[in-house]
Amino acid sequence: MILPRFRRNSHSRSITALYGAIVAQARSASFYATYGVPDTVQGRFDLIVLHLVLLLERLERADSAGRGLGQQVFDVFCRDLDANLREMGVGDLAVPKRMRRFGEAFYGRQAAYRAALTAADRRALEKALTRNIFQGDDNRATGIEDATARLADYVRAVLRQLDSQDAGALLRGEVVFPNPEAIGHA
C-alpha cells in the first residue's frame, strides 16, 4: 500500500520536541547576558551545537533506539541550518558549501567536547569551550576565564541532569535542561 509511506514517522513528535528543547535552551538570554556568550549567529550556533552534542551523548547510551533517534535529531538540525541559510538569502549554489563548513564545525566541536569530557584534567572542558564558544578569546581582563568556568559547570550540570532522566522519557521527546541562571561558579 502506498499511503503508509506518507505517514509521519512515529518518532517525529519526539524528534521535534527534542530539537525544539535544544533550540529553546540555546536561546536562553542568560547565556548571552550572564555567561558572556557572544549574542551573534555564530554564538547561537555554538550553543545549539553544544546542547545537541550533550543530548546525542546521552541518547547514544540509551540503546540502539536512542542512537537512531539521535541521528534523526541531527538530521533535523541539518535541515534547520539549510532552511536558515536560505532564509538569510544564501544562494542555492552556496548552501552546500556552507553546509559542509557547518558539518565540519559540528564534528570538530563534537570531537573536542567528547575528548574534554573524558579527560582527566577538568580544565580540558574549559579550554574546549574557550576555543569553540568564545572563539579562542582567552583575555582574562574581559572575564572570559570566569565565563568559561561557569559554562563548564553548566555543561557538567546538563550531563548530570540528562543522566538522571529516564531513557524512555527521552525517547518520547521529554528532555529537561537545567536552568542556566541556577548554575553558579564554584
N, C-alpha and C. Protein backbone atom coordinates (compact mmCIF):
# COMPACT_ATOMS: atom_id res chain seq x y z
N MET A 1 0.84 -1.18 0.00
CA MET A 1 0.00 0.00 0.00
C MET A 1 0.88 1.24 0.00
N ILE A 2 0.54 2.22 -0.77
CA ILE A 2 1.36 3.40 -0.93
C ILE A 2 1.19 4.42 0.19
N LEU A 3 0.04 4.52 0.81
CA LEU A 3 -0.21 5.54 1.81
C LEU A 3 0.67 5.45 3.05
N PRO A 4 1.03 4.27 3.54
CA PRO A 4 1.90 4.24 4.72
C PRO A 4 3.22 4.98 4.53
N ARG A 5 3.69 5.07 3.31
CA ARG A 5 4.94 5.80 3.07
C ARG A 5 4.80 7.28 3.39
N PHE A 6 3.60 7.79 3.30
CA PHE A 6 3.37 9.21 3.51
C PHE A 6 2.97 9.53 4.95
N ARG A 7 2.83 8.52 5.79
CA ARG A 7 2.53 8.76 7.19
C ARG A 7 3.76 9.32 7.88
N ARG A 8 3.49 10.14 8.86
CA ARG A 8 4.59 10.71 9.63
C ARG A 8 5.32 9.62 10.39
N ASN A 9 6.60 9.80 10.53
CA ASN A 9 7.43 8.90 11.32
C ASN A 9 6.85 8.85 12.74
N SER A 10 6.79 7.67 13.32
CA SER A 10 6.21 7.53 14.66
C SER A 10 7.02 8.31 15.70
N HIS A 11 8.26 8.61 15.41
CA HIS A 11 9.10 9.36 16.34
C HIS A 11 9.15 10.85 16.01
N SER A 12 8.38 11.29 15.01
CA SER A 12 8.52 12.68 14.58
C SER A 12 8.20 13.68 15.68
N ARG A 13 7.23 13.38 16.54
CA ARG A 13 6.94 14.30 17.65
C ARG A 13 8.10 14.34 18.63
N SER A 14 8.68 13.19 18.90
CA SER A 14 9.83 13.14 19.81
C SER A 14 11.01 13.91 19.25
N ILE A 15 11.26 13.74 17.98
CA ILE A 15 12.37 14.42 17.32
C ILE A 15 12.16 15.92 17.36
N THR A 16 10.95 16.35 17.01
CA THR A 16 10.63 17.77 17.02
C THR A 16 10.74 18.34 18.43
N ALA A 17 10.25 17.60 19.41
CA ALA A 17 10.31 18.07 20.80
C ALA A 17 11.75 18.17 21.29
N LEU A 18 12.58 17.18 20.99
CA LEU A 18 13.97 17.21 21.43
C LEU A 18 14.73 18.37 20.78
N TYR A 19 14.56 18.52 19.48
CA TYR A 19 15.28 19.60 18.81
C TYR A 19 14.75 20.96 19.27
N GLY A 20 13.44 21.06 19.46
CA GLY A 20 12.86 22.30 19.96
C GLY A 20 13.40 22.66 21.33
N ALA A 21 13.59 21.67 22.20
CA ALA A 21 14.13 21.91 23.53
C ALA A 21 15.58 22.39 23.45
N ILE A 22 16.34 21.82 22.53
CA ILE A 22 17.73 22.24 22.33
C ILE A 22 17.78 23.71 21.91
N VAL A 23 16.99 24.05 20.91
CA VAL A 23 17.00 25.42 20.40
C VAL A 23 16.50 26.39 21.47
N ALA A 24 15.43 26.03 22.17
CA ALA A 24 14.90 26.91 23.22
C ALA A 24 15.95 27.14 24.31
N GLN A 25 16.64 26.08 24.70
CA GLN A 25 17.66 26.23 25.74
C GLN A 25 18.80 27.11 25.25
N ALA A 26 19.22 26.90 24.01
CA ALA A 26 20.33 27.68 23.46
C ALA A 26 19.96 29.16 23.31
N ARG A 27 18.68 29.46 23.24
CA ARG A 27 18.23 30.85 23.11
C ARG A 27 18.04 31.53 24.45
N SER A 28 18.27 30.82 25.54
CA SER A 28 18.10 31.41 26.86
C SER A 28 18.97 32.65 26.99
N ALA A 29 18.34 33.75 27.33
CA ALA A 29 19.03 35.05 27.39
C ALA A 29 20.19 35.05 28.38
N SER A 30 20.13 34.23 29.41
CA SER A 30 21.19 34.25 30.42
C SER A 30 22.54 33.82 29.85
N PHE A 31 22.55 32.99 28.82
CA PHE A 31 23.83 32.61 28.22
C PHE A 31 24.54 33.83 27.64
N TYR A 32 23.78 34.75 27.10
CA TYR A 32 24.35 35.92 26.45
C TYR A 32 24.58 37.07 27.43
N ALA A 33 23.67 37.21 28.40
CA ALA A 33 23.78 38.31 29.35
C ALA A 33 24.69 37.99 30.53
N THR A 34 24.65 36.76 31.02
CA THR A 34 25.38 36.39 32.22
C THR A 34 26.65 35.60 31.93
N TYR A 35 26.55 34.66 31.00
CA TYR A 35 27.69 33.81 30.70
C TYR A 35 28.68 34.46 29.73
N GLY A 36 28.25 35.49 29.05
CA GLY A 36 29.14 36.19 28.13
C GLY A 36 29.30 35.54 26.77
N VAL A 37 28.40 34.62 26.42
CA VAL A 37 28.44 34.02 25.08
C VAL A 37 28.10 35.13 24.08
N PRO A 38 28.84 35.26 23.00
CA PRO A 38 28.53 36.30 22.02
C PRO A 38 27.11 36.13 21.47
N ASP A 39 26.33 37.20 21.53
CA ASP A 39 24.96 37.17 21.02
C ASP A 39 24.99 37.45 19.52
N THR A 40 25.49 36.45 18.79
CA THR A 40 25.65 36.53 17.34
C THR A 40 25.11 35.24 16.73
N VAL A 41 25.02 35.21 15.43
CA VAL A 41 24.61 33.99 14.75
C VAL A 41 25.57 32.85 15.13
N GLN A 42 26.86 33.16 15.14
CA GLN A 42 27.86 32.15 15.49
C GLN A 42 27.71 31.69 16.94
N GLY A 43 27.49 32.63 17.86
CA GLY A 43 27.32 32.27 19.26
C GLY A 43 26.11 31.38 19.48
N ARG A 44 25.01 31.69 18.79
CA ARG A 44 23.81 30.88 18.92
C ARG A 44 24.02 29.49 18.30
N PHE A 45 24.69 29.44 17.16
CA PHE A 45 25.03 28.16 16.54
C PHE A 45 25.85 27.32 17.51
N ASP A 46 26.86 27.94 18.13
CA ASP A 46 27.73 27.20 19.05
C ASP A 46 26.96 26.64 20.24
N LEU A 47 26.00 27.37 20.76
CA LEU A 47 25.21 26.86 21.88
C LEU A 47 24.27 25.74 21.45
N ILE A 48 23.71 25.86 20.26
CA ILE A 48 22.87 24.76 19.75
C ILE A 48 23.73 23.51 19.59
N VAL A 49 24.91 23.67 19.01
CA VAL A 49 25.80 22.52 18.83
C VAL A 49 26.17 21.92 20.19
N LEU A 50 26.50 22.75 21.16
CA LEU A 50 26.87 22.24 22.48
C LEU A 50 25.74 21.40 23.07
N HIS A 51 24.52 21.91 23.05
CA HIS A 51 23.39 21.17 23.61
C HIS A 51 23.08 19.91 22.79
N LEU A 52 23.22 20.02 21.48
CA LEU A 52 22.99 18.86 20.62
C LEU A 52 24.00 17.75 20.94
N VAL A 53 25.25 18.11 21.08
CA VAL A 53 26.29 17.12 21.40
C VAL A 53 25.98 16.45 22.73
N LEU A 54 25.60 17.23 23.72
CA LEU A 54 25.32 16.66 25.05
C LEU A 54 24.12 15.71 25.00
N LEU A 55 23.08 16.10 24.28
CA LEU A 55 21.92 15.22 24.17
C LEU A 55 22.25 13.96 23.36
N LEU A 56 23.00 14.11 22.28
CA LEU A 56 23.38 12.94 21.48
C LEU A 56 24.21 11.96 22.30
N GLU A 57 25.09 12.48 23.14
CA GLU A 57 25.89 11.62 24.01
C GLU A 57 24.97 10.79 24.90
N ARG A 58 23.95 11.42 25.46
CA ARG A 58 23.02 10.70 26.34
C ARG A 58 22.20 9.68 25.56
N LEU A 59 21.73 10.06 24.39
CA LEU A 59 20.92 9.14 23.58
C LEU A 59 21.74 7.93 23.13
N GLU A 60 23.01 8.13 22.86
CA GLU A 60 23.87 7.00 22.46
C GLU A 60 23.98 5.96 23.56
N ARG A 61 23.90 6.39 24.81
CA ARG A 61 23.99 5.46 25.92
C ARG A 61 22.65 4.78 26.21
N ALA A 62 21.57 5.27 25.60
CA ALA A 62 20.25 4.69 25.86
C ALA A 62 20.18 3.28 25.28
N ASP A 63 20.31 3.15 24.00
CA ASP A 63 20.32 1.87 23.29
C ASP A 63 20.30 2.17 21.80
N SER A 64 20.07 1.16 20.98
CA SER A 64 20.08 1.41 19.54
C SER A 64 18.95 2.35 19.13
N ALA A 65 17.82 2.28 19.83
CA ALA A 65 16.72 3.21 19.53
C ALA A 65 17.14 4.64 19.84
N GLY A 66 17.91 4.82 20.90
CA GLY A 66 18.41 6.15 21.25
C GLY A 66 19.36 6.68 20.21
N ARG A 67 20.25 5.81 19.72
CA ARG A 67 21.19 6.24 18.68
C ARG A 67 20.44 6.60 17.40
N GLY A 68 19.43 5.82 17.06
CA GLY A 68 18.63 6.12 15.86
C GLY A 68 17.88 7.43 16.00
N LEU A 69 17.32 7.66 17.17
CA LEU A 69 16.62 8.92 17.43
C LEU A 69 17.60 10.08 17.39
N GLY A 70 18.79 9.87 17.95
CA GLY A 70 19.81 10.91 17.91
C GLY A 70 20.18 11.28 16.48
N GLN A 71 20.30 10.29 15.62
CA GLN A 71 20.60 10.57 14.22
C GLN A 71 19.49 11.40 13.58
N GLN A 72 18.26 11.08 13.92
CA GLN A 72 17.13 11.83 13.35
C GLN A 72 17.09 13.26 13.88
N VAL A 73 17.45 13.46 15.14
CA VAL A 73 17.53 14.82 15.68
C VAL A 73 18.63 15.59 14.97
N PHE A 74 19.77 14.93 14.73
CA PHE A 74 20.85 15.56 13.98
C PHE A 74 20.40 15.93 12.57
N ASP A 75 19.63 15.06 11.94
CA ASP A 75 19.11 15.35 10.60
C ASP A 75 18.21 16.58 10.60
N VAL A 76 17.39 16.72 11.64
CA VAL A 76 16.53 17.91 11.75
C VAL A 76 17.39 19.16 11.93
N PHE A 77 18.44 19.04 12.71
CA PHE A 77 19.40 20.14 12.89
C PHE A 77 19.95 20.58 11.53
N CYS A 78 20.35 19.62 10.72
CA CYS A 78 20.91 19.94 9.40
C CYS A 78 19.86 20.59 8.49
N ARG A 79 18.65 20.08 8.51
CA ARG A 79 17.58 20.69 7.70
C ARG A 79 17.28 22.11 8.18
N ASP A 80 17.33 22.31 9.49
CA ASP A 80 17.10 23.64 10.05
C ASP A 80 18.19 24.61 9.60
N LEU A 81 19.44 24.17 9.64
CA LEU A 81 20.54 25.02 9.17
C LEU A 81 20.36 25.38 7.71
N ASP A 82 20.02 24.40 6.91
CA ASP A 82 19.79 24.62 5.47
C ASP A 82 18.69 25.65 5.27
N ALA A 83 17.58 25.47 5.98
CA ALA A 83 16.45 26.40 5.85
C ALA A 83 16.83 27.80 6.31
N ASN A 84 17.59 27.90 7.39
CA ASN A 84 18.01 29.22 7.87
C ASN A 84 18.94 29.92 6.90
N LEU A 85 19.84 29.17 6.29
CA LEU A 85 20.72 29.77 5.29
C LEU A 85 19.91 30.34 4.12
N ARG A 86 18.96 29.57 3.66
CA ARG A 86 18.13 30.02 2.54
C ARG A 86 17.29 31.23 2.94
N GLU A 87 16.80 31.22 4.18
CA GLU A 87 16.00 32.35 4.67
C GLU A 87 16.85 33.61 4.77
N MET A 88 18.13 33.44 5.08
CA MET A 88 19.04 34.59 5.18
C MET A 88 19.50 35.06 3.80
N GLY A 89 19.05 34.38 2.75
CA GLY A 89 19.35 34.83 1.40
C GLY A 89 20.57 34.20 0.77
N VAL A 90 21.10 33.15 1.37
CA VAL A 90 22.24 32.46 0.78
C VAL A 90 21.74 31.73 -0.47
N GLY A 91 22.43 31.89 -1.57
CA GLY A 91 22.01 31.30 -2.84
C GLY A 91 22.14 29.79 -2.87
N ASP A 92 21.38 29.18 -3.77
CA ASP A 92 21.35 27.73 -3.90
C ASP A 92 22.74 27.12 -4.13
N LEU A 93 23.59 27.81 -4.85
CA LEU A 93 24.92 27.27 -5.13
C LEU A 93 25.85 27.35 -3.93
N ALA A 94 25.61 28.31 -3.05
CA ALA A 94 26.48 28.49 -1.88
C ALA A 94 26.05 27.65 -0.68
N VAL A 95 24.79 27.23 -0.64
CA VAL A 95 24.29 26.48 0.51
C VAL A 95 25.09 25.21 0.77
N PRO A 96 25.35 24.37 -0.23
CA PRO A 96 26.12 23.15 0.05
C PRO A 96 27.51 23.42 0.64
N LYS A 97 28.17 24.47 0.18
CA LYS A 97 29.50 24.82 0.72
C LYS A 97 29.38 25.23 2.18
N ARG A 98 28.38 26.04 2.47
CA ARG A 98 28.18 26.48 3.86
C ARG A 98 27.80 25.29 4.74
N MET A 99 26.95 24.41 4.22
CA MET A 99 26.54 23.24 4.99
C MET A 99 27.75 22.34 5.28
N ARG A 100 28.65 22.23 4.35
CA ARG A 100 29.86 21.44 4.55
C ARG A 100 30.68 22.05 5.69
N ARG A 101 30.79 23.38 5.70
CA ARG A 101 31.53 24.05 6.77
C ARG A 101 30.84 23.87 8.12
N PHE A 102 29.50 23.94 8.12
CA PHE A 102 28.76 23.69 9.36
C PHE A 102 28.98 22.26 9.84
N GLY A 103 28.99 21.32 8.91
CA GLY A 103 29.23 19.93 9.28
C GLY A 103 30.61 19.75 9.87
N GLU A 104 31.61 20.35 9.26
CA GLU A 104 32.96 20.28 9.79
C GLU A 104 33.04 20.91 11.18
N ALA A 105 32.35 22.04 11.35
CA ALA A 105 32.33 22.71 12.65
C ALA A 105 31.66 21.82 13.69
N PHE A 106 30.53 21.20 13.33
CA PHE A 106 29.84 20.33 14.28
C PHE A 106 30.73 19.17 14.70
N TYR A 107 31.28 18.45 13.73
CA TYR A 107 32.07 17.27 14.06
C TYR A 107 33.35 17.63 14.80
N GLY A 108 33.93 18.76 14.48
CA GLY A 108 35.11 19.22 15.21
C GLY A 108 34.79 19.53 16.66
N ARG A 109 33.68 20.24 16.87
CA ARG A 109 33.27 20.56 18.23
C ARG A 109 32.86 19.31 18.99
N GLN A 110 32.15 18.41 18.32
CA GLN A 110 31.75 17.17 18.97
C GLN A 110 32.98 16.40 19.46
N ALA A 111 33.98 16.29 18.61
CA ALA A 111 35.21 15.58 18.99
C ALA A 111 35.90 16.29 20.15
N ALA A 112 35.96 17.61 20.10
CA ALA A 112 36.61 18.37 21.16
C ALA A 112 35.88 18.21 22.49
N TYR A 113 34.56 18.28 22.46
CA TYR A 113 33.78 18.14 23.70
C TYR A 113 33.88 16.72 24.25
N ARG A 114 33.80 15.73 23.37
CA ARG A 114 33.93 14.34 23.84
C ARG A 114 35.28 14.12 24.51
N ALA A 115 36.33 14.59 23.88
CA ALA A 115 37.67 14.43 24.45
C ALA A 115 37.78 15.17 25.77
N ALA A 116 37.24 16.36 25.84
CA ALA A 116 37.32 17.16 27.06
C ALA A 116 36.52 16.53 28.20
N LEU A 117 35.38 15.95 27.87
CA LEU A 117 34.54 15.36 28.91
C LEU A 117 35.13 14.09 29.49
N THR A 118 35.99 13.42 28.73
CA THR A 118 36.61 12.19 29.23
C THR A 118 38.04 12.42 29.72
N ALA A 119 38.54 13.63 29.59
CA ALA A 119 39.91 13.95 30.01
C ALA A 119 40.01 13.96 31.53
N ALA A 120 41.17 13.60 32.01
CA ALA A 120 41.42 13.62 33.45
C ALA A 120 41.47 15.06 33.97
N ASP A 121 41.94 15.96 33.16
CA ASP A 121 42.06 17.37 33.53
C ASP A 121 40.70 18.06 33.37
N ARG A 122 40.14 18.53 34.47
CA ARG A 122 38.84 19.21 34.42
C ARG A 122 38.90 20.48 33.58
N ARG A 123 40.06 21.08 33.47
CA ARG A 123 40.19 22.32 32.69
C ARG A 123 40.11 22.06 31.19
N ALA A 124 40.20 20.81 30.78
CA ALA A 124 40.11 20.50 29.35
C ALA A 124 38.78 20.97 28.78
N LEU A 125 37.72 20.83 29.55
CA LEU A 125 36.41 21.30 29.08
C LEU A 125 36.41 22.81 28.95
N GLU A 126 36.98 23.51 29.91
CA GLU A 126 37.04 24.97 29.83
C GLU A 126 37.84 25.41 28.60
N LYS A 127 38.91 24.71 28.32
CA LYS A 127 39.72 25.05 27.15
C LYS A 127 38.94 24.83 25.86
N ALA A 128 38.18 23.72 25.79
CA ALA A 128 37.38 23.44 24.60
C ALA A 128 36.29 24.49 24.43
N LEU A 129 35.68 24.90 25.54
CA LEU A 129 34.64 25.93 25.47
C LEU A 129 35.22 27.27 25.06
N THR A 130 36.41 27.59 25.56
CA THR A 130 37.06 28.84 25.19
C THR A 130 37.32 28.88 23.68
N ARG A 131 37.83 27.77 23.15
CA ARG A 131 38.13 27.72 21.71
C ARG A 131 36.87 27.79 20.85
N ASN A 132 35.83 27.09 21.29
CA ASN A 132 34.67 26.92 20.42
C ASN A 132 33.54 27.92 20.67
N ILE A 133 33.24 28.23 21.90
CA ILE A 133 32.16 29.15 22.20
C ILE A 133 32.65 30.59 22.18
N PHE A 134 33.82 30.82 22.77
CA PHE A 134 34.36 32.17 22.87
C PHE A 134 35.40 32.46 21.80
N GLN A 135 35.48 31.59 20.82
CA GLN A 135 36.35 31.76 19.66
C GLN A 135 37.81 32.05 20.03
N GLY A 136 38.28 31.32 21.05
CA GLY A 136 39.69 31.42 21.41
C GLY A 136 40.03 32.66 22.19
N ASP A 137 39.05 33.49 22.55
CA ASP A 137 39.30 34.71 23.30
C ASP A 137 39.62 34.34 24.73
N ASP A 138 40.89 34.37 25.08
CA ASP A 138 41.32 33.98 26.42
C ASP A 138 41.84 35.18 27.20
N ASN A 139 41.24 36.33 26.96
CA ASN A 139 41.66 37.55 27.62
C ASN A 139 41.06 37.61 29.02
N ARG A 140 41.90 37.45 30.03
CA ARG A 140 41.42 37.42 31.42
C ARG A 140 40.76 38.73 31.81
N ALA A 141 41.16 39.83 31.23
CA ALA A 141 40.59 41.13 31.60
C ALA A 141 39.11 41.22 31.24
N THR A 142 38.68 40.47 30.24
CA THR A 142 37.28 40.54 29.84
C THR A 142 36.42 39.54 30.59
N GLY A 143 37.01 38.77 31.50
CA GLY A 143 36.23 37.82 32.29
C GLY A 143 35.94 36.52 31.58
N ILE A 144 36.63 36.23 30.49
CA ILE A 144 36.38 35.01 29.74
C ILE A 144 36.70 33.78 30.58
N GLU A 145 37.74 33.87 31.40
CA GLU A 145 38.10 32.72 32.24
C GLU A 145 36.95 32.35 33.18
N ASP A 146 36.34 33.34 33.81
CA ASP A 146 35.21 33.07 34.69
C ASP A 146 34.01 32.58 33.90
N ALA A 147 33.80 33.16 32.72
CA ALA A 147 32.66 32.74 31.88
C ALA A 147 32.80 31.29 31.44
N THR A 148 34.01 30.90 31.04
CA THR A 148 34.19 29.51 30.60
C THR A 148 34.09 28.55 31.78
N ALA A 149 34.56 28.95 32.94
CA ALA A 149 34.44 28.09 34.12
C ALA A 149 32.97 27.90 34.47
N ARG A 150 32.20 28.97 34.39
CA ARG A 150 30.77 28.86 34.69
C ARG A 150 30.06 28.01 33.63
N LEU A 151 30.42 28.21 32.37
CA LEU A 151 29.80 27.41 31.31
C LEU A 151 30.18 25.94 31.46
N ALA A 152 31.41 25.67 31.88
CA ALA A 152 31.83 24.28 32.13
C ALA A 152 31.01 23.67 33.27
N ASP A 153 30.75 24.46 34.31
CA ASP A 153 29.90 23.98 35.41
C ASP A 153 28.50 23.68 34.88
N TYR A 154 28.00 24.54 34.00
CA TYR A 154 26.68 24.32 33.41
C TYR A 154 26.67 23.02 32.60
N VAL A 155 27.70 22.80 31.79
CA VAL A 155 27.77 21.57 30.97
C VAL A 155 27.76 20.34 31.87
N ARG A 156 28.50 20.38 32.95
CA ARG A 156 28.51 19.24 33.87
C ARG A 156 27.14 19.04 34.51
N ALA A 157 26.45 20.14 34.80
CA ALA A 157 25.09 20.04 35.35
C ALA A 157 24.13 19.44 34.32
N VAL A 158 24.30 19.81 33.05
CA VAL A 158 23.47 19.23 31.99
C VAL A 158 23.71 17.73 31.92
N LEU A 159 24.96 17.32 31.96
CA LEU A 159 25.28 15.89 31.90
C LEU A 159 24.65 15.13 33.06
N ARG A 160 24.76 15.69 34.26
CA ARG A 160 24.15 15.03 35.43
C ARG A 160 22.63 14.94 35.26
N GLN A 161 22.03 16.02 34.80
CA GLN A 161 20.58 16.02 34.66
C GLN A 161 20.14 15.06 33.56
N LEU A 162 20.84 15.03 32.44
CA LEU A 162 20.48 14.10 31.37
C LEU A 162 20.65 12.66 31.83
N ASP A 163 21.71 12.40 32.58
CA ASP A 163 21.93 11.04 33.09
C ASP A 163 20.82 10.61 34.05
N SER A 164 20.25 11.56 34.76
CA SER A 164 19.19 11.22 35.72
C SER A 164 17.83 11.05 35.05
N GLN A 165 17.71 11.48 33.79
CA GLN A 165 16.43 11.37 33.11
C GLN A 165 16.24 9.96 32.55
N ASP A 166 15.03 9.50 32.64
CA ASP A 166 14.67 8.17 32.14
C ASP A 166 14.87 8.10 30.62
N ALA A 167 15.53 7.04 30.17
CA ALA A 167 15.78 6.87 28.73
C ALA A 167 14.47 6.80 27.96
N GLY A 168 13.45 6.16 28.51
CA GLY A 168 12.15 6.08 27.85
C GLY A 168 11.54 7.45 27.65
N ALA A 169 11.68 8.31 28.65
CA ALA A 169 11.16 9.67 28.54
C ALA A 169 11.90 10.43 27.44
N LEU A 170 13.21 10.26 27.38
CA LEU A 170 13.98 10.91 26.31
C LEU A 170 13.52 10.42 24.94
N LEU A 171 13.28 9.13 24.82
CA LEU A 171 12.83 8.58 23.54
C LEU A 171 11.45 9.11 23.16
N ARG A 172 10.68 9.52 24.15
CA ARG A 172 9.36 10.12 23.88
C ARG A 172 9.48 11.62 23.62
N GLY A 173 10.70 12.16 23.69
CA GLY A 173 10.90 13.58 23.42
C GLY A 173 10.82 14.46 24.65
N GLU A 174 10.88 13.85 25.82
CA GLU A 174 10.79 14.60 27.06
C GLU A 174 12.20 14.82 27.62
N VAL A 175 12.70 16.02 27.45
CA VAL A 175 14.02 16.35 27.95
C VAL A 175 13.91 17.65 28.74
N VAL A 176 14.66 17.69 29.83
CA VAL A 176 14.68 18.89 30.66
C VAL A 176 16.13 19.28 30.87
N PHE A 177 16.44 20.50 30.51
CA PHE A 177 17.77 21.05 30.74
C PHE A 177 17.74 21.89 32.01
N PRO A 178 18.85 21.99 32.72
CA PRO A 178 18.86 22.82 33.91
C PRO A 178 18.74 24.31 33.57
N ASN A 179 18.24 25.06 34.51
CA ASN A 179 18.13 26.50 34.35
C ASN A 179 19.55 27.08 34.41
N PRO A 180 20.01 27.73 33.35
CA PRO A 180 21.38 28.25 33.37
C PRO A 180 21.61 29.30 34.44
N GLU A 181 20.56 30.01 34.84
CA GLU A 181 20.70 31.04 35.88
C GLU A 181 20.96 30.41 37.25
N ALA A 182 20.56 29.17 37.42
CA ALA A 182 20.71 28.50 38.70
C ALA A 182 22.10 27.90 38.89
N ILE A 183 22.92 27.93 37.85
CA ILE A 183 24.26 27.35 37.92
C ILE A 183 25.23 28.45 38.31
N GLY A 184 25.84 28.27 39.46
CA GLY A 184 26.83 29.25 39.91
C GLY A 184 28.21 28.67 39.80
N HIS A 185 29.15 29.53 39.63
CA HIS A 185 30.54 29.07 39.56
C HIS A 185 31.03 28.78 40.96
N ALA A 186 31.53 27.55 41.14
CA ALA A 186 32.01 27.14 42.47
C ALA A 186 33.38 27.70 42.77
